Protein backbone atom coordinates (compact mmCIF):
# COMPACT_ATOMS: atom_id res chain seq x y z
CA MET A 1 123.16 88.48 -46.19
CA SER A 2 122.61 87.14 -42.67
CA ASN A 3 121.95 83.43 -42.14
CA ARG A 4 120.66 84.10 -38.62
CA THR A 5 118.02 81.58 -37.50
CA GLU A 6 114.51 83.02 -37.74
CA SER A 7 113.08 83.34 -34.24
CA TYR A 8 109.44 83.26 -33.07
CA LEU A 9 107.84 84.61 -29.91
CA VAL A 10 104.26 83.43 -29.35
CA GLY A 11 101.87 83.47 -26.38
CA LEU A 12 98.64 81.89 -25.12
CA VAL A 13 96.11 84.25 -23.50
CA GLY A 14 93.28 82.95 -21.30
CA ASP A 15 92.07 81.91 -17.86
CA GLY A 16 94.08 79.13 -16.21
CA VAL A 17 96.38 78.47 -19.20
CA THR A 18 99.53 77.80 -17.16
CA PRO A 19 99.07 73.97 -17.28
CA SER A 20 98.37 73.99 -21.04
CA LEU A 21 100.28 71.46 -23.16
CA THR A 22 100.10 73.71 -26.24
CA PRO A 23 103.36 75.62 -25.49
CA TYR A 24 105.31 72.34 -25.26
CA MET A 25 103.87 71.08 -28.56
CA HIS A 26 104.77 74.28 -30.40
CA GLU A 27 108.26 74.55 -28.91
CA ARG A 28 109.12 70.89 -29.60
CA GLU A 29 107.97 71.18 -33.23
CA GLY A 30 110.02 74.39 -33.51
CA ASP A 31 113.08 72.56 -32.11
CA VAL A 32 112.74 69.72 -34.60
CA GLN A 33 112.44 72.22 -37.46
CA GLY A 34 115.55 74.10 -36.28
CA LEU A 35 113.70 77.25 -35.20
CA ARG A 36 114.17 79.46 -32.17
CA TYR A 37 110.59 79.23 -30.97
CA LEU A 38 109.46 80.49 -27.58
CA TYR A 39 105.84 80.06 -26.51
CA ARG A 40 104.68 81.66 -23.23
CA PRO A 41 101.39 81.17 -21.34
CA ILE A 42 99.80 84.53 -20.38
CA ASP A 43 97.44 83.43 -17.61
CA LEU A 44 94.73 86.01 -16.88
CA LEU A 45 93.90 84.39 -13.53
CA GLU A 46 97.50 84.61 -12.33
CA LEU A 47 97.81 88.18 -13.64
CA ARG A 48 94.41 89.05 -12.13
CA LEU A 49 93.23 90.49 -15.41
CA PRO A 50 89.70 90.32 -16.86
CA GLY A 51 89.00 88.88 -20.33
CA GLU A 52 88.38 92.44 -21.53
CA SER A 53 92.12 93.14 -21.16
CA VAL A 54 92.80 91.07 -24.31
CA GLY A 55 92.89 94.25 -26.47
CA GLN A 56 95.61 95.80 -24.30
CA LEU A 57 97.52 92.50 -24.24
CA LEU A 58 97.48 92.42 -28.06
CA GLN A 59 98.96 95.90 -28.17
CA ASN A 60 101.57 94.95 -25.57
CA ALA A 61 102.47 91.84 -27.60
CA ARG A 62 102.91 93.97 -30.74
CA THR A 63 105.13 96.45 -28.84
CA LEU A 64 107.25 93.59 -27.43
CA GLY A 65 107.76 91.97 -30.84
CA PHE A 66 105.54 88.90 -30.53
CA ASN A 67 104.71 87.07 -33.78
CA GLY A 68 101.25 86.17 -32.55
CA LEU A 69 99.00 84.89 -29.80
CA ASN A 70 96.69 81.96 -29.31
CA ILE A 71 93.48 83.02 -27.58
CA THR A 72 91.31 80.84 -25.37
CA HIS A 73 88.45 81.17 -22.87
CA PRO A 74 87.14 83.80 -22.04
CA CYS A 75 88.60 85.89 -24.87
CA LYS A 76 87.69 84.17 -28.16
CA GLN A 77 84.73 86.49 -28.79
CA LEU A 78 86.08 89.51 -26.88
CA VAL A 79 89.16 89.67 -29.12
CA LEU A 80 87.15 90.21 -32.34
CA GLN A 81 86.73 93.97 -31.90
CA TYR A 82 90.51 94.51 -31.73
CA LEU A 83 91.40 92.74 -34.99
CA ASP A 84 92.22 94.37 -38.33
CA VAL A 85 91.45 91.29 -40.44
CA ILE A 86 89.38 88.19 -39.59
CA SER A 87 89.35 85.02 -41.73
CA PRO A 88 85.93 84.26 -43.30
CA ASP A 89 85.50 81.06 -41.24
CA ALA A 90 86.38 82.78 -37.94
CA LEU A 91 83.97 85.60 -38.84
CA LYS A 92 81.14 83.10 -39.35
CA LEU A 93 82.00 81.34 -36.09
CA GLY A 94 82.22 84.65 -34.24
CA ALA A 95 85.33 83.34 -32.47
CA VAL A 96 89.09 83.66 -32.95
CA ASN A 97 91.72 81.50 -31.25
CA THR A 98 94.81 82.47 -33.29
CA VAL A 99 96.03 86.02 -33.93
CA VAL A 100 99.03 86.75 -36.14
CA ILE A 101 100.80 90.08 -35.73
CA GLU A 102 101.98 91.06 -39.20
CA ASP A 103 103.21 94.52 -40.26
CA GLY A 104 101.66 95.93 -37.08
CA ARG A 105 98.24 94.49 -37.89
CA PHE A 106 96.23 91.86 -35.99
CA ILE A 107 94.93 89.03 -38.20
CA GLY A 108 92.48 86.55 -36.64
CA HIS A 109 91.94 82.88 -37.48
CA ASN A 110 90.06 79.94 -35.96
CA THR A 111 92.02 76.67 -35.79
CA ASP A 112 89.50 74.96 -33.46
CA PHE A 113 87.27 74.15 -36.43
CA SER A 114 90.13 73.40 -38.85
CA GLY A 115 91.88 71.34 -36.14
CA PHE A 116 88.82 69.16 -35.64
CA GLY A 117 88.42 68.84 -39.43
CA ALA A 118 92.03 67.63 -39.72
CA ALA A 119 91.50 65.25 -36.76
CA LEU A 120 88.42 63.74 -38.36
CA ALA A 121 90.16 63.26 -41.72
CA SER A 122 93.32 61.69 -40.25
CA GLY A 123 91.81 59.79 -37.29
CA LEU A 124 88.59 58.49 -38.90
CA PRO A 125 89.33 58.37 -42.63
CA GLY A 126 86.31 57.36 -44.67
CA ALA A 127 83.87 57.80 -41.77
CA LYS A 128 80.24 57.83 -42.98
CA LEU A 129 78.91 61.38 -42.68
CA ASP A 130 75.29 61.16 -43.80
CA ARG A 131 73.93 61.87 -40.33
CA VAL A 132 75.77 62.83 -37.13
CA VAL A 133 74.64 63.49 -33.56
CA GLN A 134 76.62 66.14 -31.67
CA LEU A 135 76.37 66.54 -27.89
CA GLY A 136 77.03 70.12 -26.76
CA ALA A 137 76.48 73.36 -28.67
CA GLY A 138 78.68 75.72 -26.63
CA GLY A 139 81.88 77.46 -27.80
CA ALA A 140 83.90 74.36 -28.70
CA GLY A 141 80.72 72.72 -30.01
CA SER A 142 80.15 75.59 -32.46
CA ALA A 143 83.59 75.10 -34.01
CA VAL A 144 83.14 71.31 -34.18
CA ALA A 145 79.67 71.59 -35.76
CA TYR A 146 81.08 74.01 -38.36
CA ALA A 147 83.90 71.53 -39.08
CA LEU A 148 81.47 68.61 -39.43
CA LEU A 149 79.30 70.51 -41.91
CA SER A 150 82.42 71.68 -43.79
CA ALA A 151 83.50 68.02 -43.99
CA GLY A 152 80.22 67.16 -45.75
CA VAL A 153 77.82 66.02 -42.99
CA LYS A 154 74.38 66.05 -44.61
CA ALA A 155 72.24 66.04 -41.44
CA LEU A 156 73.50 67.28 -38.06
CA ASP A 157 71.48 66.71 -34.89
CA LEU A 158 72.59 69.22 -32.24
CA VAL A 159 71.80 68.03 -28.71
CA ASP A 160 72.24 70.38 -25.75
CA VAL A 161 71.01 70.69 -22.17
CA ALA A 162 70.04 74.28 -23.06
CA PRO A 163 67.45 73.86 -25.89
CA GLU A 164 67.47 77.57 -26.79
CA ARG A 165 71.26 77.51 -27.29
CA ALA A 166 70.98 74.46 -29.57
CA ALA A 167 68.15 76.09 -31.54
CA GLU A 168 70.08 79.34 -32.00
CA ARG A 169 73.22 77.48 -33.13
CA ALA A 170 71.24 75.22 -35.48
CA ALA A 171 69.57 78.19 -37.19
CA GLU A 172 72.90 79.97 -37.59
CA LEU A 173 74.65 76.90 -39.06
CA ALA A 174 71.73 76.12 -41.38
CA GLY A 175 72.22 79.61 -42.84
CA PHE A 176 75.90 78.91 -43.58
CA PHE A 177 75.28 75.40 -44.95
CA PRO A 178 72.00 75.53 -46.93
CA ASP A 179 72.63 72.09 -48.49
CA SER A 180 72.69 70.41 -45.05
CA THR A 181 69.98 69.94 -42.42
CA VAL A 182 70.80 71.14 -38.90
CA THR A 183 68.28 70.37 -36.17
CA ALA A 184 68.23 71.13 -32.43
CA HIS A 185 67.24 68.45 -29.90
CA THR A 186 67.13 67.81 -26.16
CA THR A 187 69.07 65.01 -24.46
CA ALA A 188 65.73 63.19 -23.90
CA GLU A 189 65.59 62.56 -27.67
CA LEU A 190 68.88 60.60 -27.82
CA PRO A 191 67.18 57.15 -27.75
CA GLN A 192 65.31 58.12 -30.94
CA LEU A 193 68.31 59.78 -32.63
CA MET A 194 71.07 57.21 -32.07
CA PRO A 195 69.54 54.40 -34.22
CA LEU A 196 69.43 56.86 -37.16
CA THR A 197 72.97 58.27 -36.89
CA ASP A 198 76.33 57.26 -38.39
CA GLY A 199 78.43 58.88 -35.72
CA LEU A 200 78.48 60.70 -32.38
CA VAL A 201 80.63 63.71 -31.47
CA HIS A 202 80.95 64.75 -27.84
CA CYS A 203 81.59 68.45 -27.00
CA THR A 204 80.66 68.89 -23.32
CA PRO A 205 82.95 68.88 -20.24
CA VAL A 206 81.64 65.45 -19.10
CA GLY A 207 84.54 63.00 -18.95
CA MET A 208 87.17 65.57 -17.95
CA ALA A 209 89.11 64.75 -14.78
CA ALA A 210 86.99 67.32 -12.90
CA HIS A 211 83.70 66.09 -14.46
CA PRO A 212 83.94 62.26 -14.56
CA GLY A 213 81.25 60.15 -16.18
CA VAL A 214 79.69 59.56 -19.60
CA PRO A 215 77.51 62.04 -21.50
CA LEU A 216 74.95 59.46 -22.64
CA ASP A 217 73.76 55.92 -21.97
CA LEU A 218 76.46 53.71 -23.54
CA GLY A 219 73.71 51.20 -24.31
CA LEU A 220 72.70 53.53 -27.18
CA LEU A 221 76.01 52.90 -28.98
CA GLU A 222 76.25 50.25 -31.71
CA ALA A 223 79.41 48.80 -33.24
CA ARG A 224 78.56 50.49 -36.57
CA HIS A 225 78.76 53.97 -34.96
CA TRP A 226 81.94 56.01 -34.96
CA VAL A 227 82.52 58.10 -31.84
CA ALA A 228 84.61 61.28 -31.45
CA ASP A 229 85.39 62.97 -28.13
CA ILE A 230 87.03 66.38 -27.76
CA VAL A 231 87.94 65.88 -24.07
CA TYR A 232 91.66 64.98 -23.85
CA ARG A 233 92.45 65.00 -20.14
CA PRO A 234 92.31 62.02 -19.84
CA ILE A 235 92.85 60.81 -23.42
CA ASP A 236 90.90 57.62 -22.74
CA THR A 237 87.68 59.09 -21.37
CA GLU A 238 84.94 56.76 -20.15
CA LEU A 239 83.13 57.48 -23.44
CA VAL A 240 86.18 56.54 -25.53
CA ARG A 241 86.76 53.34 -23.52
CA GLY A 242 83.08 52.40 -23.62
CA ALA A 243 82.80 53.02 -27.37
CA ARG A 244 85.95 51.01 -28.06
CA ALA A 245 84.59 48.11 -25.99
CA LYS A 246 81.45 48.19 -28.19
CA GLY A 247 83.59 47.86 -31.33
CA CYS A 248 83.10 51.48 -32.47
CA ALA A 249 85.76 53.33 -34.45
CA VAL A 250 86.98 56.02 -32.04
CA LEU A 251 88.59 59.48 -32.29
CA ASP A 252 90.09 60.67 -29.00
CA GLY A 253 90.19 64.34 -28.00
CA GLY A 254 93.95 64.54 -28.39
CA ARG A 255 93.55 64.61 -32.17
CA MET A 256 91.67 67.94 -32.10
CA ALA A 257 94.12 69.40 -29.55
CA VAL A 258 97.01 68.50 -31.86
CA GLY A 259 95.12 69.56 -34.99
CA GLN A 260 94.48 73.09 -33.75
CA ALA A 261 98.08 73.43 -32.51
CA ALA A 262 99.50 72.20 -35.84
CA ASP A 263 97.32 74.66 -37.79
CA ALA A 264 98.35 77.53 -35.49
CA PHE A 265 102.05 76.59 -35.90
CA ARG A 266 101.59 76.75 -39.68
CA ILE A 267 99.89 80.16 -39.43
CA PHE A 268 102.57 81.60 -37.12
CA THR A 269 105.60 80.31 -39.04
CA GLY A 270 104.47 79.65 -42.62
CA LEU A 271 106.14 76.23 -42.23
CA GLU A 272 104.51 72.82 -42.53
CA PRO A 273 104.29 70.98 -39.17
CA ASP A 274 104.25 67.18 -38.85
CA PRO A 275 100.93 66.44 -37.08
CA GLU A 276 101.78 62.78 -36.37
CA ARG A 277 105.08 63.79 -34.75
CA MET A 278 103.21 66.43 -32.73
CA ARG A 279 100.63 63.81 -31.70
CA SER A 280 103.26 61.37 -30.43
CA HIS A 281 104.83 64.20 -28.39
CA PHE A 282 101.38 65.20 -27.09
CA LEU A 283 100.66 61.61 -25.99
CA GLU A 284 104.04 61.55 -24.17
CA LEU A 285 103.08 64.75 -22.33
CA VAL A 286 99.65 63.42 -21.33
CA ALA A 287 101.12 60.08 -20.19
CA ALA A 288 103.74 61.88 -18.05
CA GLU A 289 100.99 64.04 -16.55
CA GLU A 290 98.89 60.98 -15.70
CA VAL A 291 101.89 59.27 -14.06
CA ALA A 292 102.59 62.42 -12.01
CA ALA A 293 98.94 62.56 -10.89
C-alpha cells in the first residue's frame, strides 16, 4: 500500500486571471494541509482564446489529469453546456464557477453564492435579515441575491441601473423563493428604500481601483444598517470606510473572495479548509499588493 502524498492539479479559466489571488490561497492552504497542490491560471486573454473555448479547455484538462477548474468571466454561463452534472443551486443560478473532473465526468458547482453565504454568517453573525437592499443585479449580484434569500432574507430590494435586468432577476428569484418578496427598483428610489432596510449589499464595480467612488449617497446610511461590499481590491473601499465611520457593522469584499475559494478547495479535495487561516493569508496578499502599487 503506497503512502504517496495525494496530489492535486487545478486551474482557473477566464479573461485576465493572471493577477488573481485565488491560486495563492489554494496553494497555501494545500501546503498547510500537507498536500501537493498546484493551481494554474489559464488566462484567455493571454492565450488569445474566446470564452467559447471553455469546452475544449475542459477536455484538455481531463486529458492532462487535472482534478478540476475554477471558471470565471466570461465562461460561467458558457460552461454549462459541457457539464455532465450540475448542482441544483448552480442550475437555478444558471452559472458555474467550479468544475470537478471525476471519473472522466465534469461536475459543476457554484461557490460564489455559497461563499457569500459563508461570509455573511461568519463576518456579520446575527445580522437582521428582514429587509435588505442590494445594489447591482449582474452576474455576481445574482449569486449574492440567491445567497441572501437562502440565508432567510424576507424582503429583497434589487436596485440596478438597468431596470429590465433587475426586473428579470427579481421575477426569477421570486420563483425560487416563494416565501420571500423580491422587488426591482431604480437607483432613484434609494432615498425611499434605505430608511426601511436592515442592510445594504453592494455588487457593482464601483469602488474598484479602476472605478473609484461610492455607489450611493453615504448620507443615506444609518448606524443601525449593516453594509456588505463584494469589491476587494482595495479591501477598504470608500463604501466600507464610509459605513464604518457611520458606525455600521461592515463586511468587506475579501470575505466573499475567501468564502468561494474555501468552498472550492473543499469540493476539489474533499478536505475541510480553515477559512480564517485563508482570510489572514488573503489579507497579507492584498496588503503586499497595495504596498507594491
